PDB file of N, CA and C in Angstrom:
ATOM      1  N   MET A   1      10.567 -99.850  -7.738  1.00  0.00           N
ATOM      2  CA  MET A   1       9.459 -98.961  -7.785  1.00  0.00           C
ATOM      3  C   MET A   1       9.705 -97.715  -8.245  1.00  0.00           C
ATOM      4  N   ASN A   2       8.731 -97.506  -8.756  1.00  0.00           N
ATOM      5  CA  ASN A   2       8.602 -96.304  -9.760  1.00  0.00           C
ATOM      6  C   ASN A   2       8.227 -95.216  -9.120  1.00  0.00           C
ATOM      7  N   PRO A   3       8.816 -93.655  -9.551  1.00  0.00           N
ATOM      8  CA  PRO A   3       8.482 -92.403  -9.091  1.00  0.00           C
ATOM      9  C   PRO A   3       7.190 -92.269  -8.424  1.00  0.00           C
ATOM     10  N   THR A   4       6.425 -92.363  -9.365  1.00  0.00           N
ATOM     11  CA  THR A   4       5.183 -92.385  -8.202  1.00  0.00           C
ATOM     12  C   THR A   4       4.779 -93.031  -7.325  1.00  0.00           C
ATOM     13  N   GLN A   5       4.925 -94.571  -6.926  1.00  0.00           N
ATOM     14  CA  GLN A   5       5.172 -95.145  -5.867  1.00  0.00           C
ATOM     15  C   GLN A   5       5.815 -94.438  -4.983  1.00  0.00           C
ATOM     16  N   ARG A   6       7.388 -93.576  -4.972  1.00  0.00           N
ATOM     17  CA  ARG A   6       7.625 -93.084  -4.423  1.00  0.00           C
ATOM     18  C   ARG A   6       7.225 -92.157  -3.430  1.00  0.00           C
ATOM     19  N   LYS A   7       6.358 -91.050  -4.373  1.00  0.00           N
ATOM     20  CA  LYS A   7       5.889 -90.028  -4.007  1.00  0.00           C
ATOM     21  C   LYS A   7       4.579 -90.549  -3.121  1.00  0.00           C
ATOM     22  N   VAL A   8       3.860 -91.742  -3.200  1.00  0.00           N
ATOM     23  CA  VAL A   8       2.907 -92.055  -2.502  1.00  0.00           C
ATOM     24  C   VAL A   8       3.446 -92.667  -0.931  1.00  0.00           C
ATOM     25  N   LEU A   9       4.832 -92.865  -0.739  1.00  0.00           N
ATOM     26  CA  LEU A   9       5.351 -93.545   0.647  1.00  0.00           C
ATOM     27  C   LEU A   9       5.782 -92.317   0.781  1.00  0.00           C
ATOM     28  N   SER A  10       6.315 -91.356  -0.093  1.00  0.00           N
ATOM     29  CA  SER A  10       6.386 -89.665   0.450  1.00  0.00           C
ATOM     30  C   SER A  10       5.935 -89.295   1.396  1.00  0.00           C
ATOM     31  N   LEU A  11       4.730 -88.776   0.822  1.00  0.00           N
ATOM     32  CA  LEU A  11       3.101 -88.666   0.920  1.00  0.00           C
ATOM     33  C   LEU A  11       2.619 -88.966   2.876  1.00  0.00           C
ATOM     34  N   LEU A  12       3.159 -90.314   2.718  1.00  0.00           N
ATOM     35  CA  LEU A  12       2.320 -91.012   3.793  1.00  0.00           C
ATOM     36  C   LEU A  12       3.324 -90.913   4.918  1.00  0.00           C
ATOM     37  N   GLY A  13       4.868 -90.452   4.796  1.00  0.00           N
ATOM     38  CA  GLY A  13       6.029 -90.124   5.663  1.00  0.00           C
ATOM     39  C   GLY A  13       5.392 -88.687   5.930  1.00  0.00           C
ATOM     40  N   ILE A  14       5.081 -87.410   4.900  1.00  0.00           N
ATOM     41  CA  ILE A  14       4.697 -86.612   5.601  1.00  0.00           C
ATOM     42  C   ILE A  14       3.546 -86.777   6.250  1.00  0.00           C
ATOM     43  N   ALA A  15       2.223 -87.227   6.146  1.00  0.00           N
ATOM     44  CA  ALA A  15       0.924 -87.259   6.954  1.00  0.00           C
ATOM     45  C   ALA A  15       2.025 -88.045   8.411  1.00  0.00           C
ATOM     46  N   THR A  16       2.648 -88.787   8.789  1.00  0.00           N
ATOM     47  CA  THR A  16       2.580 -89.617   9.661  1.00  0.00           C
ATOM     48  C   THR A  16       3.958 -88.798  10.489  1.00  0.00           C
ATOM     49  N   LYS A  17       4.259 -87.662  10.287  1.00  0.00           N
ATOM     50  CA  LYS A  17       4.912 -86.668  10.692  1.00  0.00           C
ATOM     51  C   LYS A  17       4.344 -85.521  11.329  1.00  0.00           C
ATOM     52  N   SER A  18       3.264 -85.514  10.854  1.00  0.00           N
ATOM     53  CA  SER A  18       2.205 -84.333  11.163  1.00  0.00           C
ATOM     54  C   SER A  18       1.438 -84.850  11.792  1.00  0.00           C
ATOM     55  N   ASN A  19       1.115 -86.311  12.334  1.00  0.00           N
ATOM     56  CA  ASN A  19      -0.006 -86.917  12.864  1.00  0.00           C
ATOM     57  C   ASN A  19      -1.215 -86.935  12.344  1.00  0.00           C
ATOM     58  N   ASN A  20      -1.371 -87.070  10.683  1.00  0.00           N
ATOM     59  CA  ASN A  20      -2.437 -87.093  10.106  1.00  0.00           C
ATOM     60  C   ASN A  20      -2.780 -88.441   9.947  1.00  0.00           C
ATOM     61  N   ILE A  21      -2.143 -89.828  10.372  1.00  0.00           N
ATOM     62  CA  ILE A  21      -2.604 -90.581   9.727  1.00  0.00           C
ATOM     63  C   ILE A  21      -2.364 -91.696  11.258  1.00  0.00           C
ATOM     64  N   VAL A  22      -3.219 -92.806  10.636  1.00  0.00           N
ATOM     65  CA  VAL A  22      -3.190 -93.891  12.200  1.00  0.00           C
ATOM     66  C   VAL A  22      -3.603 -95.055  11.375  1.00  0.00           C
ATOM     67  N   SER A  23      -2.297 -95.944  11.832  1.00  0.00           N
ATOM     68  CA  SER A  23      -2.413 -97.583  11.605  1.00  0.00           C
ATOM     69  C   SER A  23      -2.866 -98.675  12.018  1.00  0.00           C
ATOM     70  N   GLY A  24      -2.868-100.079  11.424  1.00  0.00           N
ATOM     71  CA  GLY A  24      -3.122-101.282  11.716  1.00  0.00           C
ATOM     72  C   GLY A  24      -4.491-101.352  11.884  1.00  0.00           C
ATOM     73  N   GLU A  25      -5.190-102.527  11.959  1.00  0.00           N
ATOM     74  CA  GLU A  25      -6.710-102.701  11.518  1.00  0.00           C
ATOM     75  C   GLU A  25      -7.250-101.898  12.472  1.00  0.00           C
ATOM     76  N   PHE A  26      -7.230-102.152  14.213  1.00  0.00           N
ATOM     77  CA  PHE A  26      -8.057-100.926  15.210  1.00  0.00           C
ATOM     78  C   PHE A  26      -8.301-100.279  14.646  1.00  0.00           C
ATOM     79  N   LEU A  27      -7.204 -98.999  14.667  1.00  0.00           N
ATOM     80  CA  LEU A  27      -6.966 -97.433  14.549  1.00  0.00           C
ATOM     81  C   LEU A  27      -7.405 -97.253  12.972  1.00  0.00           C
ATOM     82  N   THR A  28      -7.377 -98.078  12.167  1.00  0.00           N
ATOM     83  CA  THR A  28      -7.527 -97.566  11.045  1.00  0.00           C
ATOM     84  C   THR A  28      -9.244 -97.785  10.830  1.00  0.00           C
ATOM     85  N   GLU A  29     -10.008 -98.956  11.985  1.00  0.00           N
ATOM     86  CA  GLU A  29     -11.199 -99.209  11.652  1.00  0.00           C
ATOM     87  C   GLU A  29     -12.186 -98.094  12.243  1.00  0.00           C
ATOM     88  N   LYS A  30     -11.214 -97.625  13.506  1.00  0.00           N
ATOM     89  CA  LYS A  30     -12.057 -96.738  14.344  1.00  0.00           C
ATOM     90  C   LYS A  30     -11.900 -95.478  13.282  1.00  0.00           C
ATOM     91  N   ALA A  31     -11.473 -94.724  13.040  1.00  0.00           N
ATOM     92  CA  ALA A  31     -11.447 -93.675  12.077  1.00  0.00           C
ATOM     93  C   ALA A  31     -12.669 -94.045  10.844  1.00  0.00           C
ATOM     94  N   VAL A  32     -12.708 -94.733  10.375  1.00  0.00           N
ATOM     95  CA  VAL A  32     -13.482 -94.931   9.394  1.00  0.00           C
ATOM     96  C   VAL A  32     -14.924 -94.822   9.854  1.00  0.00           C
ATOM     97  N   LYS A  33     -14.913 -95.698  11.142  1.00  0.00           N
ATOM     98  CA  LYS A  33     -16.851 -95.670  11.752  1.00  0.00           C
ATOM     99  C   LYS A  33     -16.517 -93.786  12.372  1.00  0.00           C
ATOM    100  N   GLU A  34     -15.693 -93.018  13.018  1.00  0.00           N
ATOM    101  CA  GLU A  34     -15.591 -92.411  13.396  1.00  0.00           C
ATOM    102  C   GLU A  34     -16.478 -90.876  12.230  1.00  0.00           C
ATOM    103  N   TYR A  35     -15.591 -91.147  11.451  1.00  0.00           N
ATOM    104  CA  TYR A  35     -15.770 -90.257   9.651  1.00  0.00           C
ATOM    105  C   TYR A  35     -15.145 -89.563   9.775  1.00  0.00           C
ATOM    106  N   LYS A  36     -13.908 -89.652  10.455  1.00  0.00           N
ATOM    107  CA  LYS A  36     -12.583 -89.205  10.567  1.00  0.00           C
ATOM    108  C   LYS A  36     -11.594 -89.573   9.652  1.00  0.00           C
ATOM    109  N   ALA A  37     -11.317 -91.025   8.867  1.00  0.00           N
ATOM    110  CA  ALA A  37     -10.408 -91.388   7.524  1.00  0.00           C
ATOM    111  C   ALA A  37     -10.824 -89.991   5.938  1.00  0.00           C
ATOM    112  N   ALA A  38      -9.773 -90.001   5.576  1.00  0.00           N
ATOM    113  CA  ALA A  38     -10.154 -89.222   4.227  1.00  0.00           C
ATOM    114  C   ALA A  38      -9.513 -90.140   3.444  1.00  0.00           C
ATOM    115  N   LEU A  39      -9.172 -91.038   3.801  1.00  0.00           N
ATOM    116  CA  LEU A  39      -8.712 -92.282   2.340  1.00  0.00           C
ATOM    117  C   LEU A  39      -7.819 -92.984   3.559  1.00  0.00           C
ATOM    118  N   VAL A  40      -8.133 -94.396   2.789  1.00  0.00           N
ATOM    119  CA  VAL A  40      -7.816 -95.707   3.401  1.00  0.00           C
ATOM    120  C   VAL A  40      -6.891 -96.573   2.517  1.00  0.00           C
ATOM    121  N   ILE A  41      -5.650 -96.970   3.530  1.00  0.00           N
ATOM    122  CA  ILE A  41      -5.436 -97.582   2.061  1.00  0.00           C
ATOM    123  C   ILE A  41      -4.175 -98.881   3.010  1.00  0.00           C
ATOM    124  N   VAL A  42      -4.858-100.682   1.732  1.00  0.00           N
ATOM    125  CA  VAL A  42      -4.551-101.786   2.776  1.00  0.00           C
ATOM    126  C   VAL A  42      -3.732-102.139   1.823  1.00  0.00           C
ATOM    127  N   ALA A  43      -2.784-103.092   2.564  1.00  0.00           N
ATOM    128  CA  ALA A  43      -1.423-103.479   1.149  1.00  0.00           C
ATOM    129  C   ALA A  43      -1.766-104.441   0.609  1.00  0.00           C
ATOM    130  N   GLU A  44      -1.445-104.170  -0.130  1.00  0.00           N
ATOM    131  CA  GLU A  44      -1.813-105.505  -1.128  1.00  0.00           C
ATOM    132  C   GLU A  44      -1.516-107.080  -0.793  1.00  0.00           C
ATOM    133  N   ASP A  45      -0.629-107.125   0.050  1.00  0.00           N
ATOM    134  CA  ASP A  45       0.042-108.505   0.571  1.00  0.00           C
ATOM    135  C   ASP A  45      -0.601-108.433   1.886  1.00  0.00           C
ATOM    136  N   ALA A  46      -2.242-107.928   2.308  1.00  0.00           N
ATOM    137  CA  ALA A  46      -2.700-108.065   3.620  1.00  0.00           C
ATOM    138  C   ALA A  46      -3.189-108.969   3.347  1.00  0.00           C
ATOM    139  N   SER A  47      -4.273-109.949   3.678  1.00  0.00           N
ATOM    140  CA  SER A  47      -5.210-110.992   3.776  1.00  0.00           C
ATOM    141  C   SER A  47      -6.389-110.785   3.049  1.00  0.00           C
ATOM    142  N   ASP A  48      -6.916-111.940   2.673  1.00  0.00           N
ATOM    143  CA  ASP A  48      -8.228-111.587   1.714  1.00  0.00           C
ATOM    144  C   ASP A  48      -8.923-111.037   2.232  1.00  0.00           C
ATOM    145  N   ASN A  49      -9.096-111.730   3.481  1.00  0.00           N
ATOM    146  CA  ASN A  49     -10.306-111.565   4.379  1.00  0.00           C
ATOM    147  C   ASN A  49      -9.996-110.143   5.177  1.00  0.00           C
ATOM    148  N   THR A  50      -9.094-109.671   5.535  1.00  0.00           N
ATOM    149  CA  THR A  50      -8.404-107.926   5.469  1.00  0.00           C
ATOM    150  C   THR A  50      -9.134-107.411   4.692  1.00  0.00           C
ATOM    151  N   LYS A  51      -8.868-107.526   3.273  1.00  0.00           N
ATOM    152  CA  LYS A  51      -9.238-106.583   2.250  1.00  0.00           C
ATOM    153  C   LYS A  51     -10.658-106.831   1.919  1.00  0.00           C
ATOM    154  N   LYS A  52     -11.641-107.655   1.839  1.00  0.00           N
ATOM    155  CA  LYS A  52     -12.629-108.071   1.862  1.00  0.00           C
ATOM    156  C   LYS A  52     -13.324-106.853   2.528  1.00  0.00           C
ATOM    157  N   ARG A  53     -13.148-107.036   4.278  1.00  0.00           N
ATOM    158  CA  ARG A  53     -13.497-106.429   5.824  1.00  0.00           C
ATOM    159  C   ARG A  53     -13.374-105.132   5.690  1.00  0.00           C
ATOM    160  N   PHE A  54     -12.148-104.188   4.859  1.00  0.00           N
ATOM    161  CA  PHE A  54     -12.179-102.316   4.751  1.00  0.00           C
ATOM    162  C   PHE A  54     -12.672-101.843   3.399  1.00  0.00           C
ATOM    163  N   ARG A  55     -12.975-103.106   2.358  1.00  0.00           N
ATOM    164  CA  ARG A  55     -13.284-102.562   1.188  1.00  0.00           C
ATOM    165  C   ARG A  55     -15.190-102.468   1.313  1.00  0.00           C
ATOM    166  N   ASP A  56     -15.559-103.548   1.998  1.00  0.00           N
ATOM    167  CA  ASP A  56     -17.570-102.901   2.341  1.00  0.00           C
ATOM    168  C   ASP A  56     -17.112-102.169   3.244  1.00  0.00           C
ATOM    169  N   MET A  57     -16.411-102.063   4.091  1.00  0.00           N
ATOM    170  CA  MET A  57     -16.133-100.867   5.559  1.00  0.00           C
ATOM    171  C   MET A  57     -16.339 -99.597   4.811  1.00  0.00           C
ATOM    172  N   CYS A  58     -15.622 -99.239   3.526  1.00  0.00           N
ATOM    173  CA  CYS A  58     -15.228 -98.265   3.232  1.00  0.00           C
ATOM    174  C   CYS A  58     -16.294 -97.823   2.279  1.00  0.00           C
ATOM    175  N   ILE A  59     -16.987 -99.117   1.629  1.00  0.00           N
ATOM    176  CA  ILE A  59     -17.846 -98.462   0.695  1.00  0.00           C
ATOM    177  C   ILE A  59     -19.508 -98.168   1.329  1.00  0.00           C
ATOM    178  N   TYR A  60     -19.337 -98.605   2.408  1.00  0.00           N
ATOM    179  CA  TYR A  60     -20.324 -98.238   3.643  1.00  0.00           C
ATOM    180  C   TYR A  60     -20.482 -97.098   4.081  1.00  0.00           C
ATOM    181  N   TYR A  61     -19.330 -96.626   4.611  1.00  0.00           N
ATOM    182  CA  TYR A  61     -19.022 -95.031   4.682  1.00  0.00           C
ATOM    183  C   TYR A  61     -18.262 -93.928   3.644  1.00  0.00           C
ATOM    184  N   SER A  62     -18.766 -94.245   2.072  1.00  0.00           N
ATOM    185  CA  SER A  62     -18.174 -93.700   1.502  1.00  0.00           C
ATOM    186  C   SER A  62     -16.578 -92.965   1.798  1.00  0.00           C
ATOM    187  N   VAL A  63     -15.694 -94.123   2.169  1.00  0.00           N
ATOM    188  CA  VAL A  63     -14.462 -93.354   2.057  1.00  0.00           C
ATOM    189  C   VAL A  63     -13.376 -94.358   1.044  1.00  0.00           C
ATOM    190  N   PRO A  64     -13.023 -93.556   0.181  1.00  0.00           N
ATOM    191  CA  PRO A  64     -11.762 -94.196  -0.770  1.00  0.00           C
ATOM    192  C   PRO A  64     -11.178 -94.928  -0.010  1.00  0.00           C
ATOM    193  N   ILE A  65     -10.903 -96.056  -0.911  1.00  0.00           N
ATOM    194  CA  ILE A  65     -10.129 -96.884  -0.485  1.00  0.00           C
ATOM    195  C   ILE A  65      -8.871 -97.812  -2.013  1.00  0.00           C
ATOM    196  N   TYR A  66      -7.512 -97.730  -1.486  1.00  0.00           N
ATOM    197  CA  TYR A  66      -6.560 -98.083  -2.047  1.00  0.00           C
ATOM    198  C   TYR A  66      -6.160 -99.456  -1.583  1.00  0.00           C
ATOM    199  N   PHE A  67      -5.672-100.267  -2.704  1.00  0.00           N
ATOM    200  CA  PHE A  67      -4.911-101.094  -2.044  1.00  0.00           C
ATOM    201  C   PHE A  67      -3.586-100.694  -3.233  1.00  0.00           C
ATOM    202  N   PHE A  68      -2.872-100.761  -1.827  1.00  0.00           N
ATOM    203  CA  PHE A  68      -0.934-100.258  -2.961  1.00  0.00           C
ATOM    204  C   PHE A  68      -0.307-100.829  -2.007  1.00  0.00           C
ATOM    205  N   GLY A  69       1.145-101.308  -2.010  1.00  0.00           N
ATOM    206  CA  GLY A  69       2.487-101.291  -1.637  1.00  0.00           C
ATOM    207  C   GLY A  69       2.163-102.727  -0.615  1.00  0.00           C
ATOM    208  N   THR A  70       3.241-102.949  -0.275  1.00  0.00           N
ATOM    209  CA  THR A  70       3.358-104.122   0.451  1.00  0.00           C
ATOM    210  C   THR A  70       3.082-103.835   2.149  1.00  0.00           C
ATOM    211  N   LYS A  71       3.279-104.654   3.145  1.00  0.00           N
ATOM    212  CA  LYS A  71       2.952-104.369   4.448  1.00  0.00           C
ATOM    213  C   LYS A  71       4.616-103.877   4.837  1.00  0.00           C
ATOM    214  N   ASP A  72       5.214-104.233   4.435  1.00  0.00           N
ATOM    215  CA  ASP A  72       7.009-103.997   4.340  1.00  0.00           C
ATOM    216  C   ASP A  72       6.642-102.178   4.108  1.00  0.00           C
ATOM    217  N   ASP A  73       6.521-102.073   3.133  1.00  0.00           N
ATOM    218  CA  ASP A  73       6.655-100.635   1.926  1.00  0.00           C
ATOM    219  C   ASP A  73       5.732 -99.765   2.858  1.00  0.00           C
ATOM    220  N   LEU A  74       4.784 -99.817   3.691  1.00  0.00           N
ATOM    221  CA  LEU A  74       3.955 -98.925   4.103  1.00  0.00           C
ATOM    222  C   LEU A  74       4.443 -98.690   5.789  1.00  0.00           C
ATOM    223  N   GLY A  75       4.659 -99.766   6.461  1.00  0.00           N
ATOM    224  CA  GLY A  75       5.221 -99.793   7.610  1.00  0.00           C
ATOM    225  C   GLY A  75       6.790 -98.642   7.405  1.00  0.00           C
ATOM    226  N   HIS A  76       7.460 -99.370   6.080  1.00  0.00           N
ATOM    227  CA  HIS A  76       8.995 -98.620   6.372  1.00  0.00           C
ATOM    228  C   HIS A  76       8.725 -97.183   6.173  1.00  0.00           C
ATOM    229  N   ALA A  77       7.325 -96.494   5.675  1.00  0.00           N
ATOM    230  CA  ALA A  77       7.214 -94.973   4.996  1.00  0.00           C
ATOM    231  C   ALA A  77       6.583 -94.368   6.226  1.00  0.00           C
ATOM    232  N   MET A  78       5.846 -95.141   7.216  1.00  0.00           N
ATOM    233  CA  MET A  78       5.812 -94.876   8.625  1.00  0.00           C
ATOM    234  C   MET A  78       6.924 -94.615   9.507  1.00  0.00           C
ATOM    235  N   GLY A  79       8.192 -95.467   9.380  1.00  0.00           N
ATOM    236  CA  GLY A  79       9.010 -95.522  10.613  1.00  0.00           C
ATOM    237  C   GLY A  79       8.218 -96.748  11.035  1.00  0.00           C
ATOM    238  N   LYS A  80       7.555 -97.486  10.770  1.00  0.00           N
ATOM    239  CA  LYS A  80       7.208 -98.116  12.080  1.00  0.00           C
ATOM    240  C   LYS A  80       7.690 -99.746  11.244  1.00  0.00           C
ATOM    241  N   GLU A  81       6.661-100.604  12.136  1.00  0.00           N
ATOM    242  CA  GLU A  81       7.301-102.284  11.614  1.00  0.00           C
ATOM    243  C   GLU A  81       6.221-102.060  10.527  1.00  0.00           C
ATOM    244  N   PHE A  82       6.165-103.569   9.514  1.00  0.00           N
ATOM    245  CA  PHE A  82       4.969-103.794   8.996  1.00  0.00           C
ATOM    246  C   PHE A  82       3.535-103.134   9.022  1.00  0.00           C
ATOM    247  N   ARG A  83       2.964-102.793   7.928  1.00  0.00           N
ATOM    248  CA  ARG A  83       1.653-101.900   8.253  1.00  0.00           C
ATOM    249  C   ARG A  83       0.808-102.550   6.918  1.00  0.00           C
ATOM    250  N   ALA A  84      -0.485-103.430   7.933  1.00  0.00           N
ATOM    251  CA  ALA A  84      -1.166-103.897   6.893  1.00  0.00           C
ATOM    252  C   ALA A  84      -2.074-102.613   6.663  1.00  0.00           C
ATOM    253  N   SER A  85      -2.762-101.998   7.143  1.00  0.00           N
ATOM    254  CA  SER A  85      -3.489-101.077   7.210  1.00  0.00           C
ATOM    255  C   SER A  85      -3.484 -99.893   7.580  1.00  0.00           C
ATOM    256  N   LEU A  86      -4.071 -98.802   7.017  1.00  0.00           N
ATOM    257  CA  LEU A  86      -3.890 -97.581   7.648  1.00  0.00           C
ATOM    258  C   LEU A  86      -4.722 -96.832   7.093  1.00  0.00           C
ATOM    259  N   ALA A  87      -5.107 -95.321   7.952  1.00  0.00           N
ATOM    260  CA  ALA A  87      -6.169 -94.257   7.044  1.00  0.00           C
ATOM    261  C   ALA A  87      -5.560 -92.928   7.419  1.00  0.00           C
ATOM    262  N   VAL A  88      -5.724 -92.117   6.502  1.00  0.00           N
ATOM    263  CA  VAL A  88      -4.662 -90.419   6.228  1.00  0.00           C
ATOM    264  C   VAL A  88      -5.948 -89.843   6.765  1.00  0.00           C
ATOM    265  N   LEU A  89      -5.934 -88.879   7.870  1.00  0.00           N
ATOM    266  CA  LEU A  89      -6.476 -88.003   8.758  1.00  0.00           C
ATOM    267  C   LEU A  89      -7.093 -86.797   7.522  1.00  0.00           C
ATOM    268  N   ASP A  90      -6.116 -86.429   6.898  1.00  0.00           N
ATOM    269  CA  ASP A  90      -6.330 -84.444   6.178  1.00  0.00           C
ATOM    270  C   ASP A  90      -6.631 -84.955   5.073  1.00  0.00           C
ATOM    271  N   LYS A  91      -7.823 -84.447   4.749  1.00  0.00           N
ATOM    272  CA  LYS A  91      -8.542 -84.402   3.675  1.00  0.00           C
ATOM    273  C   LYS A  91      -7.157 -83.708   2.582  1.00  0.00           C
ATOM    274  N   GLY A  92      -6.280 -82.329   2.509  1.00  0.00           N
ATOM    275  CA  GLY A  92      -5.372 -82.518   1.676  1.00  0.00           C
ATOM    276  C   GLY A  92      -4.641 -83.400   1.092  1.00  0.00           C
ATOM    277  N   LEU A  93      -3.787 -83.840   2.376  1.00  0.00           N
ATOM    278  CA  LEU A  93      -2.783 -84.904   2.004  1.00  0.00           C
ATOM    279  C   LEU A  93      -3.462 -85.841   1.163  1.00  0.00           C
ATOM    280  N   ALA A  94      -4.836 -86.786   1.402  1.00  0.00           N
ATOM    281  CA  ALA A  94      -5.590 -87.593   1.462  1.00  0.00           C
ATOM    282  C   ALA A  94      -5.258 -87.524  -0.675  1.00  0.00           C
ATOM    283  N   ASP A  95      -5.901 -86.014  -0.633  1.00  0.00           N
ATOM    284  CA  ASP A  95      -6.593 -85.631  -1.965  1.00  0.00           C
ATOM    285  C   ASP A  95      -5.024 -85.915  -2.976  1.00  0.00           C
ATOM    286  N   ALA A  96      -4.127 -85.212  -2.088  1.00  0.00           N
ATOM    287  CA  ALA A  96      -2.666 -85.398  -3.019  1.00  0.00           C
ATOM    288  C   ALA A  96      -1.523 -86.804  -3.401  1.00  0.00           C
ATOM    289  N   ILE A  97      -2.640 -87.934  -2.022  1.00  0.00           N
ATOM    290  CA  ILE A  97      -2.157 -88.874  -1.880  1.00  0.00           C
ATOM    291  C   ILE A  97      -2.882 -89.768  -3.001  1.00  0.00           C
ATOM    292  N   GLU A  98      -4.338 -89.716  -3.093  1.00  0.00           N
ATOM    293  CA  GLU A  98      -5.095 -90.339  -3.937  1.00  0.00           C
ATOM    294  C   GLU A  98      -5.201 -90.139  -5.464  1.00  0.00           C
ATOM    295  N   LYS A  99      -4.255 -88.784  -5.636  1.00  0.00           N
ATOM    296  CA  LYS A  99      -3.787 -88.196  -6.905  1.00  0.00           C
ATOM    297  C   LYS A  99      -3.275 -89.111  -7.776  1.00  0.00           C
ATOM    298  N   GLU A 100      -1.900 -89.376  -6.746  1.00  0.00           N
ATOM    299  CA  GLU A 100      -0.379 -90.343  -7.046  1.00  0.00           C
ATOM    300  C   GLU A 100      -1.307 -91.328  -7.176  1.00  0.00           C
ATOM    301  N   LEU A 101      -1.802 -91.897  -6.981  1.00  0.00           N
ATOM    302  CA  LEU A 101      -2.431 -93.368  -6.392  1.00  0.00           C
ATOM    303  C   LEU A 101      -3.277 -93.951  -8.171  1.00  0.00           C
ATOM    304  N   LYS A 102      -3.977 -92.686  -8.600  1.00  0.00           N
ATOM    305  CA  LYS A 102      -4.993 -93.096  -9.725  1.00  0.00           C
ATOM    306  C   LYS A 102      -4.277 -92.471 -11.131  1.00  0.00           C
ATOM    307  N   LYS A 103      -2.491 -92.199 -10.777  1.00  0.00           N
ATOM    308  CA  LYS A 103      -2.157 -92.405 -11.956  1.00  0.00           C
ATOM    309  C   LYS A 103      -1.173 -93.745 -12.121  1.00  0.00           C
ATOM    310  N   MET A 104      -1.456 -94.749 -11.111  1.00  0.00           N
ATOM    311  CA  MET A 104      -1.156 -95.971 -11.250  1.00  0.00           C
ATOM    312  C   MET A 104      -2.150 -96.833 -12.064  1.00  0.00           C
TER     313      MET A 104
END
């Protein structure tokens, strides 16, 4: 794992501790549709169906979406079981995470 990936996972941990993140398909979708999501991340090993659904939804609602890490990586960063999708709710944290993701 490279330093950029570590930084993204670390920022996800900070977002979790500050209650600025929701995870799981239902809560992620709800955050996007209520215009609360500043950034959506879907695991690279999520199903094609899940990826397509979130990609289409994020395009429709104009929310940046990235495919990053594995379900285990995302879950571990949040101190939970594996997670296929998550939404960052805080704009500042979302911008910091997106900046790192763009380096990759």
